[in-house]
Amino acid sequence: MSTIQLPDDVAAALAAAAADREVSVDELAAETISARFGPVRRTLSFAAIGSSTTGRTAAEAEQLLEEGGFGIDSADR
Protein backbone atom coordinates (compact mmCIF):
# COMPACT_ATOMS: atom_id res chain seq x y z
CA MET A 1 0.00 0.00 0.00
CA SER A 2 1.03 3.56 -0.60
CA THR A 3 0.81 6.60 1.59
CA ILE A 4 -0.92 9.73 0.34
CA GLN A 5 -1.04 13.22 1.79
CA LEU A 6 -4.43 14.92 2.05
CA PRO A 7 -5.35 18.44 3.07
CA ASP A 8 -6.58 18.51 6.68
CA ASP A 9 -10.19 19.26 5.73
CA VAL A 10 -10.29 16.38 3.24
CA ALA A 11 -8.70 14.00 5.77
CA ALA A 12 -11.30 15.03 8.37
CA ALA A 13 -14.17 14.49 5.93
CA LEU A 14 -12.76 11.09 4.97
CA ALA A 15 -12.43 10.08 8.62
CA ALA A 16 -16.02 11.19 9.35
CA ALA A 17 -17.38 9.30 6.34
CA ALA A 18 -15.42 6.18 7.32
CA ALA A 19 -16.82 6.38 10.87
CA ASP A 20 -20.36 6.76 9.50
CA ARG A 21 -19.90 3.64 7.38
CA GLU A 22 -18.11 1.79 10.19
CA VAL A 23 -15.05 1.05 8.04
CA SER A 24 -11.45 2.13 8.36
CA VAL A 25 -10.17 5.26 6.67
CA ASP A 26 -7.85 3.06 4.59
CA GLU A 27 -10.75 0.87 3.42
CA LEU A 28 -12.91 3.84 2.44
CA ALA A 29 -10.04 5.61 0.67
CA ALA A 30 -9.14 2.45 -1.28
CA GLU A 31 -12.79 1.86 -2.23
CA THR A 32 -13.28 5.46 -3.33
CA ILE A 33 -10.09 5.62 -5.37
CA SER A 34 -10.75 2.22 -6.95
CA ALA A 35 -14.25 3.30 -7.95
CA ARG A 36 -12.85 6.41 -9.64
CA PHE A 37 -9.75 4.98 -11.28
CA GLY A 38 -10.43 1.26 -11.41
CA PRO A 39 -11.26 -0.78 -14.49
CA VAL A 40 -14.19 0.48 -16.52
CA ARG A 41 -17.13 -1.88 -16.55
CA ARG A 42 -18.64 -2.24 -19.96
CA THR A 43 -22.16 -3.24 -20.78
CA LEU A 44 -22.83 -5.69 -23.53
CA SER A 45 -24.93 -3.90 -26.11
CA PHE A 46 -26.09 -7.14 -27.65
CA ALA A 47 -27.48 -8.48 -24.35
CA ALA A 48 -30.99 -7.24 -25.15
CA ILE A 49 -31.04 -8.62 -28.68
CA GLY A 50 -34.20 -10.60 -29.14
CA SER A 51 -36.11 -8.86 -26.39
CA SER A 52 -39.61 -7.90 -27.40
CA THR A 53 -40.77 -4.33 -27.54
CA THR A 54 -44.25 -5.24 -28.78
CA GLY A 55 -45.54 -6.60 -25.49
CA ARG A 56 -46.33 -9.98 -27.05
CA THR A 57 -45.62 -13.13 -25.11
CA ALA A 58 -43.66 -16.05 -26.49
CA ALA A 59 -46.89 -18.05 -26.76
CA GLU A 60 -48.45 -15.31 -28.90
CA ALA A 61 -45.38 -15.18 -31.14
CA GLU A 62 -45.50 -18.95 -31.53
CA GLN A 63 -49.15 -18.77 -32.51
CA LEU A 64 -48.45 -16.10 -35.14
CA LEU A 65 -45.69 -18.24 -36.61
CA GLU A 66 -47.99 -21.27 -36.78
CA GLU A 67 -50.74 -19.28 -38.44
CA GLY A 68 -48.30 -18.01 -41.06
CA GLY A 69 -47.05 -21.51 -41.80
CA PHE A 70 -43.52 -20.72 -40.69
CA GLY A 71 -41.35 -23.81 -40.28
CA ILE A 72 -43.85 -26.25 -41.80
CA ASP A 73 -42.46 -28.55 -44.50
CA SER A 74 -44.55 -28.82 -47.60
CA ALA A 75 -44.57 -32.60 -47.00
CA ASP A 76 -46.43 -31.97 -43.70
CA ARG A 77 -49.25 -30.05 -45.40
PDB file of N, CA and C in Angstrom:
ATOM      1  N   MET A   1       0.828  -1.192   0.000  1.00  0.00           N
ATOM      2  CA  MET A   1       0.000   0.000   0.000  1.00  0.00           C
ATOM      3  C   MET A   1       0.860   1.239   0.000  1.00  0.00           C
ATOM      4  N   SER A   2       0.324   2.292  -0.514  1.00  0.00           N
ATOM      5  CA  SER A   2       1.034   3.562  -0.595  1.00  0.00           C
ATOM      6  C   SER A   2       0.469   4.545   0.403  1.00  0.00           C
ATOM      7  N   THR A   3       1.248   5.530   0.702  1.00  0.00           N
ATOM      8  CA  THR A   3       0.812   6.604   1.591  1.00  0.00           C
ATOM      9  C   THR A   3       0.514   7.827   0.749  1.00  0.00           C
ATOM     10  N   ILE A   4      -0.589   8.494   1.040  1.00  0.00           N
ATOM     11  CA  ILE A   4      -0.915   9.727   0.335  1.00  0.00           C
ATOM     12  C   ILE A   4      -1.117  10.839   1.357  1.00  0.00           C
ATOM     13  N   GLN A   5      -0.852  12.046   0.944  1.00  0.00           N
ATOM     14  CA  GLN A   5      -1.036  13.221   1.792  1.00  0.00           C
ATOM     15  C   GLN A   5      -2.320  13.931   1.363  1.00  0.00           C
ATOM     16  N   LEU A   6      -3.174  14.220   2.331  1.00  0.00           N
ATOM     17  CA  LEU A   6      -4.426  14.916   2.050  1.00  0.00           C
ATOM     18  C   LEU A   6      -4.461  16.229   2.825  1.00  0.00           C
ATOM     19  N   PRO A   7      -5.133  17.224   2.285  1.00  0.00           N
ATOM     20  CA  PRO A   7      -5.353  18.439   3.072  1.00  0.00           C
ATOM     21  C   PRO A   7      -6.151  18.080   4.334  1.00  0.00           C
ATOM     22  N   ASP A   8      -5.947  18.825   5.394  1.00  0.00           N
ATOM     23  CA  ASP A   8      -6.580  18.509   6.678  1.00  0.00           C
ATOM     24  C   ASP A   8      -8.100  18.400   6.581  1.00  0.00           C
ATOM     25  N   ASP A   9      -8.734  19.302   5.830  1.00  0.00           N
ATOM     26  CA  ASP A   9     -10.191  19.260   5.734  1.00  0.00           C
ATOM     27  C   ASP A   9     -10.667  18.013   4.991  1.00  0.00           C
ATOM     28  N   VAL A  10      -9.932  17.585   3.985  1.00  0.00           N
ATOM     29  CA  VAL A  10     -10.294  16.378   3.242  1.00  0.00           C
ATOM     30  C   VAL A  10     -10.076  15.144   4.115  1.00  0.00           C
ATOM     31  N   ALA A  11      -8.983  15.122   4.865  1.00  0.00           N
ATOM     32  CA  ALA A  11      -8.704  13.999   5.766  1.00  0.00           C
ATOM     33  C   ALA A  11      -9.779  13.889   6.838  1.00  0.00           C
ATOM     34  N   ALA A  12     -10.247  15.036   7.355  1.00  0.00           N
ATOM     35  CA  ALA A  12     -11.297  15.027   8.374  1.00  0.00           C
ATOM     36  C   ALA A  12     -12.617  14.523   7.797  1.00  0.00           C
ATOM     37  N   ALA A  13     -12.935  14.942   6.574  1.00  0.00           N
ATOM     38  CA  ALA A  13     -14.175  14.487   5.925  1.00  0.00           C
ATOM     39  C   ALA A  13     -14.107  12.992   5.645  1.00  0.00           C
ATOM     40  N   LEU A  14     -12.937  12.512   5.229  1.00  0.00           N
ATOM     41  CA  LEU A  14     -12.755  11.088   4.968  1.00  0.00           C
ATOM     42  C   LEU A  14     -12.906  10.287   6.255  1.00  0.00           C
ATOM     43  N   ALA A  15     -12.330  10.766   7.329  1.00  0.00           N
ATOM     44  CA  ALA A  15     -12.434  10.084   8.624  1.00  0.00           C
ATOM     45  C   ALA A  15     -13.882  10.044   9.106  1.00  0.00           C
ATOM     46  N   ALA A  16     -14.620  11.139   8.930  1.00  0.00           N
ATOM     47  CA  ALA A  16     -16.024  11.185   9.346  1.00  0.00           C
ATOM     48  C   ALA A  16     -16.872  10.225   8.515  1.00  0.00           C
ATOM     49  N   ALA A  17     -16.626  10.197   7.219  1.00  0.00           N
ATOM     50  CA  ALA A  17     -17.381   9.295   6.335  1.00  0.00           C
ATOM     51  C   ALA A  17     -17.074   7.837   6.676  1.00  0.00           C
ATOM     52  N   ALA A  18     -15.805   7.550   6.951  1.00  0.00           N
ATOM     53  CA  ALA A  18     -15.425   6.178   7.320  1.00  0.00           C
ATOM     54  C   ALA A  18     -16.097   5.765   8.627  1.00  0.00           C
ATOM     55  N   ALA A  19     -16.159   6.678   9.588  1.00  0.00           N
ATOM     56  CA  ALA A  19     -16.816   6.379  10.870  1.00  0.00           C
ATOM     57  C   ALA A  19     -18.307   6.140  10.671  1.00  0.00           C
ATOM     58  N   ASP A  20     -18.930   6.943   9.798  1.00  0.00           N
ATOM     59  CA  ASP A  20     -20.362   6.760   9.505  1.00  0.00           C
ATOM     60  C   ASP A  20     -20.635   5.388   8.906  1.00  0.00           C
ATOM     61  N   ARG A  21     -19.726   4.933   8.062  1.00  0.00           N
ATOM     62  CA  ARG A  21     -19.904   3.641   7.382  1.00  0.00           C
ATOM     63  C   ARG A  21     -19.339   2.476   8.175  1.00  0.00           C
ATOM     64  N   GLU A  22     -18.708   2.805   9.312  1.00  0.00           N
ATOM     65  CA  GLU A  22     -18.106   1.790  10.185  1.00  0.00           C
ATOM     66  C   GLU A  22     -17.051   0.960   9.459  1.00  0.00           C
ATOM     67  N   VAL A  23     -16.205   1.666   8.693  1.00  0.00           N
ATOM     68  CA  VAL A  23     -15.053   1.048   8.036  1.00  0.00           C
ATOM     69  C   VAL A  23     -13.836   1.892   8.370  1.00  0.00           C
ATOM     70  N   SER A  24     -12.665   1.354   8.096  1.00  0.00           N
ATOM     71  CA  SER A  24     -11.450   2.127   8.362  1.00  0.00           C
ATOM     72  C   SER A  24     -11.267   3.196   7.286  1.00  0.00           C
ATOM     73  N   VAL A  25     -10.487   4.208   7.633  1.00  0.00           N
ATOM     74  CA  VAL A  25     -10.172   5.263   6.675  1.00  0.00           C
ATOM     75  C   VAL A  25      -9.471   4.654   5.464  1.00  0.00           C
ATOM     76  N   ASP A  26      -8.561   3.714   5.702  1.00  0.00           N
ATOM     77  CA  ASP A  26      -7.854   3.062   4.594  1.00  0.00           C
ATOM     78  C   ASP A  26      -8.819   2.342   3.660  1.00  0.00           C
ATOM     79  N   GLU A  27      -9.788   1.619   4.238  1.00  0.00           N
ATOM     80  CA  GLU A  27     -10.755   0.875   3.415  1.00  0.00           C
ATOM     81  C   GLU A  27     -11.592   1.828   2.559  1.00  0.00           C
ATOM     82  N   LEU A  28     -12.076   2.898   3.178  1.00  0.00           N
ATOM     83  CA  LEU A  28     -12.913   3.845   2.439  1.00  0.00           C
ATOM     84  C   LEU A  28     -12.105   4.556   1.352  1.00  0.00           C
ATOM     85  N   ALA A  29     -10.882   4.940   1.668  1.00  0.00           N
ATOM     86  CA  ALA A  29     -10.044   5.608   0.675  1.00  0.00           C
ATOM     87  C   ALA A  29      -9.776   4.673  -0.499  1.00  0.00           C
ATOM     88  N   ALA A  30      -9.422   3.415  -0.215  1.00  0.00           N
ATOM     89  CA  ALA A  30      -9.142   2.453  -1.280  1.00  0.00           C
ATOM     90  C   ALA A  30     -10.378   2.210  -2.137  1.00  0.00           C
ATOM     91  N   GLU A  31     -11.538   2.075  -1.495  1.00  0.00           N
ATOM     92  CA  GLU A  31     -12.789   1.855  -2.233  1.00  0.00           C
ATOM     93  C   GLU A  31     -13.111   3.043  -3.136  1.00  0.00           C
ATOM     94  N   THR A  32     -12.958   4.243  -2.587  1.00  0.00           N
ATOM     95  CA  THR A  32     -13.284   5.458  -3.332  1.00  0.00           C
ATOM     96  C   THR A  32     -12.343   5.653  -4.519  1.00  0.00           C
ATOM     97  N   ILE A  33     -11.066   5.451  -4.282  1.00  0.00           N
ATOM     98  CA  ILE A  33     -10.089   5.620  -5.366  1.00  0.00           C
ATOM     99  C   ILE A  33     -10.270   4.538  -6.420  1.00  0.00           C
ATOM    100  N   SER A  34     -10.530   3.311  -5.992  1.00  0.00           N
ATOM    101  CA  SER A  34     -10.750   2.221  -6.951  1.00  0.00           C
ATOM    102  C   SER A  34     -11.972   2.478  -7.809  1.00  0.00           C
ATOM    103  N   ALA A  35     -13.035   3.016  -7.193  1.00  0.00           N
ATOM    104  CA  ALA A  35     -14.253   3.303  -7.955  1.00  0.00           C
ATOM    105  C   ALA A  35     -13.993   4.369  -9.018  1.00  0.00           C
ATOM    106  N   ARG A  36     -13.127   5.312  -8.708  1.00  0.00           N
ATOM    107  CA  ARG A  36     -12.854   6.412  -9.640  1.00  0.00           C
ATOM    108  C   ARG A  36     -11.852   6.016 -10.728  1.00  0.00           C
ATOM    109  N   PHE A  37     -10.825   5.263 -10.342  1.00  0.00           N
ATOM    110  CA  PHE A  37      -9.745   4.980 -11.275  1.00  0.00           C
ATOM    111  C   PHE A  37      -9.602   3.517 -11.627  1.00  0.00           C
ATOM    112  N   GLY A  38     -10.506   2.692 -11.140  1.00  0.00           N
ATOM    113  CA  GLY A  38     -10.433   1.258 -11.406  1.00  0.00           C
ATOM    114  C   GLY A  38     -10.840   0.925 -12.819  1.00  0.00           C
ATOM    115  N   PRO A  39     -10.881  -0.368 -13.134  1.00  0.00           N
ATOM    116  CA  PRO A  39     -11.256  -0.779 -14.486  1.00  0.00           C
ATOM    117  C   PRO A  39     -12.681  -0.334 -14.817  1.00  0.00           C
ATOM    118  N   VAL A  40     -12.874   0.035 -16.054  1.00  0.00           N
ATOM    119  CA  VAL A  40     -14.186   0.477 -16.524  1.00  0.00           C
ATOM    120  C   VAL A  40     -15.030  -0.756 -16.816  1.00  0.00           C
ATOM    121  N   ARG A  41     -16.214  -0.778 -16.257  1.00  0.00           N
ATOM    122  CA  ARG A  41     -17.128  -1.881 -16.546  1.00  0.00           C
ATOM    123  C   ARG A  41     -17.916  -1.538 -17.786  1.00  0.00           C
ATOM    124  N   ARG A  42     -17.941  -2.465 -18.705  1.00  0.00           N
ATOM    125  CA  ARG A  42     -18.645  -2.235 -19.961  1.00  0.00           C
ATOM    126  C   ARG A  42     -19.915  -3.057 -19.994  1.00  0.00           C
ATOM    127  N   THR A  43     -20.920  -2.487 -20.596  1.00  0.00           N
ATOM    128  CA  THR A  43     -22.158  -3.237 -20.777  1.00  0.00           C
ATOM    129  C   THR A  43     -22.125  -3.886 -22.151  1.00  0.00           C
ATOM    130  N   LEU A  44     -22.778  -4.980 -22.259  1.00  0.00           N
ATOM    131  CA  LEU A  44     -22.834  -5.695 -23.527  1.00  0.00           C
ATOM    132  C   LEU A  44     -24.057  -5.209 -24.294  1.00  0.00           C
ATOM    133  N   SER A  45     -23.824  -4.493 -25.364  1.00  0.00           N
ATOM    134  CA  SER A  45     -24.927  -3.897 -26.114  1.00  0.00           C
ATOM    135  C   SER A  45     -25.827  -4.941 -26.753  1.00  0.00           C
ATOM    136  N   PHE A  46     -25.289  -6.120 -26.996  1.00  0.00           N
ATOM    137  CA  PHE A  46     -26.094  -7.140 -27.646  1.00  0.00           C
ATOM    138  C   PHE A  46     -26.913  -7.952 -26.643  1.00  0.00           C
ATOM    139  N   ALA A  47     -26.798  -7.678 -25.362  1.00  0.00           N
ATOM    140  CA  ALA A  47     -27.481  -8.479 -24.350  1.00  0.00           C
ATOM    141  C   ALA A  47     -29.000  -8.436 -24.491  1.00  0.00           C
ATOM    142  N   ALA A  48     -29.539  -7.360 -25.022  1.00  0.00           N
ATOM    143  CA  ALA A  48     -30.987  -7.245 -25.154  1.00  0.00           C
ATOM    144  C   ALA A  48     -31.497  -7.664 -26.526  1.00  0.00           C
ATOM    145  N   ILE A  49     -30.607  -8.174 -27.359  1.00  0.00           N
ATOM    146  CA  ILE A  49     -31.040  -8.616 -28.683  1.00  0.00           C
ATOM    147  C   ILE A  49     -32.076  -9.722 -28.515  1.00  0.00           C
ATOM    148  N   GLY A  50     -33.146  -9.601 -29.218  1.00  0.00           N
ATOM    149  CA  GLY A  50     -34.200 -10.597 -29.144  1.00  0.00           C
ATOM    150  C   GLY A  50     -35.270 -10.262 -28.122  1.00  0.00           C
ATOM    151  N   SER A  51     -35.069  -9.212 -27.349  1.00  0.00           N
ATOM    152  CA  SER A  51     -36.105  -8.856 -26.392  1.00  0.00           C
ATOM    153  C   SER A  51     -37.232  -8.153 -27.133  1.00  0.00           C
ATOM    154  N   SER A  52     -38.448  -8.424 -26.709  1.00  0.00           N
ATOM    155  CA  SER A  52     -39.609  -7.904 -27.401  1.00  0.00           C
ATOM    156  C   SER A  52     -39.938  -6.502 -26.937  1.00  0.00           C
ATOM    157  N   THR A  53     -40.281  -5.660 -27.877  1.00  0.00           N
ATOM    158  CA  THR A  53     -40.771  -4.329 -27.536  1.00  0.00           C
ATOM    159  C   THR A  53     -42.243  -4.194 -27.876  1.00  0.00           C
ATOM    160  N   THR A  54     -42.849  -5.293 -28.363  1.00  0.00           N
ATOM    161  CA  THR A  54     -44.252  -5.244 -28.776  1.00  0.00           C
ATOM    162  C   THR A  54     -45.197  -5.581 -27.632  1.00  0.00           C
ATOM    163  N   GLY A  55     -44.692  -6.183 -26.593  1.00  0.00           N
ATOM    164  CA  GLY A  55     -45.542  -6.600 -25.490  1.00  0.00           C
ATOM    165  C   GLY A  55     -46.132  -7.977 -25.686  1.00  0.00           C
ATOM    166  N   ARG A  56     -45.815  -8.632 -26.803  1.00  0.00           N
ATOM    167  CA  ARG A  56     -46.329  -9.983 -27.052  1.00  0.00           C
ATOM    168  C   ARG A  56     -45.571 -11.002 -26.222  1.00  0.00           C
ATOM    169  N   THR A  57     -46.263 -12.039 -25.835  1.00  0.00           N
ATOM    170  CA  THR A  57     -45.624 -13.133 -25.112  1.00  0.00           C
ATOM    171  C   THR A  57     -45.060 -14.124 -26.115  1.00  0.00           C
ATOM    172  N   ALA A  58     -44.227 -15.027 -25.625  1.00  0.00           N
ATOM    173  CA  ALA A  58     -43.655 -16.054 -26.490  1.00  0.00           C
ATOM    174  C   ALA A  58     -44.757 -16.941 -27.068  1.00  0.00           C
ATOM    175  N   ALA A  59     -45.781 -17.215 -26.275  1.00  0.00           N
ATOM    176  CA  ALA A  59     -46.888 -18.050 -26.756  1.00  0.00           C
ATOM    177  C   ALA A  59     -47.614 -17.363 -27.916  1.00  0.00           C
ATOM    178  N   GLU A  60     -47.802 -16.047 -27.817  1.00  0.00           N
ATOM    179  CA  GLU A  60     -48.454 -15.312 -28.900  1.00  0.00           C
ATOM    180  C   GLU A  60     -47.588 -15.309 -30.158  1.00  0.00           C
ATOM    181  N   ALA A  61     -46.293 -15.152 -29.982  1.00  0.00           N
ATOM    182  CA  ALA A  61     -45.384 -15.178 -31.135  1.00  0.00           C
ATOM    183  C   ALA A  61     -45.410 -16.545 -31.803  1.00  0.00           C
ATOM    184  N   GLU A  62     -45.442 -17.590 -31.001  1.00  0.00           N
ATOM    185  CA  GLU A  62     -45.498 -18.953 -31.534  1.00  0.00           C
ATOM    186  C   GLU A  62     -46.779 -19.163 -32.334  1.00  0.00           C
ATOM    187  N   GLN A  63     -47.870 -18.638 -31.817  1.00  0.00           N
ATOM    188  CA  GLN A  63     -49.154 -18.775 -32.511  1.00  0.00           C
ATOM    189  C   GLN A  63     -49.123 -18.034 -33.854  1.00  0.00           C
ATOM    190  N   LEU A  64     -48.548 -16.842 -33.888  1.00  0.00           N
ATOM    191  CA  LEU A  64     -48.447 -16.097 -35.136  1.00  0.00           C
ATOM    192  C   LEU A  64     -47.609 -16.845 -36.163  1.00  0.00           C
ATOM    193  N   LEU A  65     -46.530 -17.464 -35.699  1.00  0.00           N
ATOM    194  CA  LEU A  65     -45.686 -18.236 -36.612  1.00  0.00           C
ATOM    195  C   LEU A  65     -46.427 -19.435 -37.174  1.00  0.00           C
ATOM    196  N   GLU A  66     -47.201 -20.114 -36.322  1.00  0.00           N
ATOM    197  CA  GLU A  66     -47.986 -21.269 -36.777  1.00  0.00           C
ATOM    198  C   GLU A  66     -49.015 -20.845 -37.816  1.00  0.00           C
ATOM    199  N   GLU A  67     -49.714 -19.748 -37.530  1.00  0.00           N
ATOM    200  CA  GLU A  67     -50.745 -19.277 -38.445  1.00  0.00           C
ATOM    201  C   GLU A  67     -50.153 -18.893 -39.803  1.00  0.00           C
ATOM    202  N   GLY A  68     -48.943 -18.403 -39.816  1.00  0.00           N
ATOM    203  CA  GLY A  68     -48.301 -18.015 -41.062  1.00  0.00           C
ATOM    204  C   GLY A  68     -47.625 -19.166 -41.773  1.00  0.00           C
ATOM    205  N   GLY A  69     -47.644 -20.345 -41.172  1.00  0.00           N
ATOM    206  CA  GLY A  69     -47.054 -21.514 -41.803  1.00  0.00           C
ATOM    207  C   GLY A  69     -45.536 -21.558 -41.702  1.00  0.00           C
ATOM    208  N   PHE A  70     -44.961 -20.767 -40.832  1.00  0.00           N
ATOM    209  CA  PHE A  70     -43.520 -20.722 -40.692  1.00  0.00           C
ATOM    210  C   PHE A  70     -42.994 -22.045 -40.136  1.00  0.00           C
ATOM    211  N   GLY A  71     -41.994 -22.608 -40.786  1.00  0.00           N
ATOM    212  CA  GLY A  71     -41.348 -23.808 -40.284  1.00  0.00           C
ATOM    213  C   GLY A  71     -42.064 -25.108 -40.620  1.00  0.00           C
ATOM    214  N   ILE A  72     -43.105 -25.043 -41.428  1.00  0.00           N
ATOM    215  CA  ILE A  72     -43.848 -26.252 -41.797  1.00  0.00           C
ATOM    216  C   ILE A  72     -43.368 -26.721 -43.150  1.00  0.00           C
ATOM    217  N   ASP A  73     -42.896 -27.969 -43.211  1.00  0.00           N
ATOM    218  CA  ASP A  73     -42.460 -28.546 -44.497  1.00  0.00           C
ATOM    219  C   ASP A  73     -43.665 -28.740 -45.393  1.00  0.00           C
ATOM    220  N   SER A  74     -43.455 -28.597 -46.666  1.00  0.00           N
ATOM    221  CA  SER A  74     -44.550 -28.815 -47.604  1.00  0.00           C
ATOM    222  C   SER A  74     -45.035 -30.263 -47.535  1.00  0.00           C
ATOM    223  N   ALA A  75     -44.170 -31.194 -47.127  1.00  0.00           N
ATOM    224  CA  ALA A  75     -44.566 -32.597 -46.995  1.00  0.00           C
ATOM    225  C   ALA A  75     -45.539 -32.788 -45.837  1.00  0.00           C
ATOM    226  N   ASP A  76     -45.527 -31.854 -44.857  1.00  0.00           N
ATOM    227  CA  ASP A  76     -46.429 -31.973 -43.699  1.00  0.00           C
ATOM    228  C   ASP A  76     -47.811 -31.399 -43.986  1.00  0.00           C
ATOM    229  N   ARG A  77     -47.953 -30.702 -45.105  1.00  0.00           N
ATOM    230  CA  ARG A  77     -49.247 -30.047 -45.395  1.00  0.00           C
ATOM    231  C   ARG A  77     -50.241 -30.976 -45.961  1.00  0.00           C
TER     232      ARG A  77
END
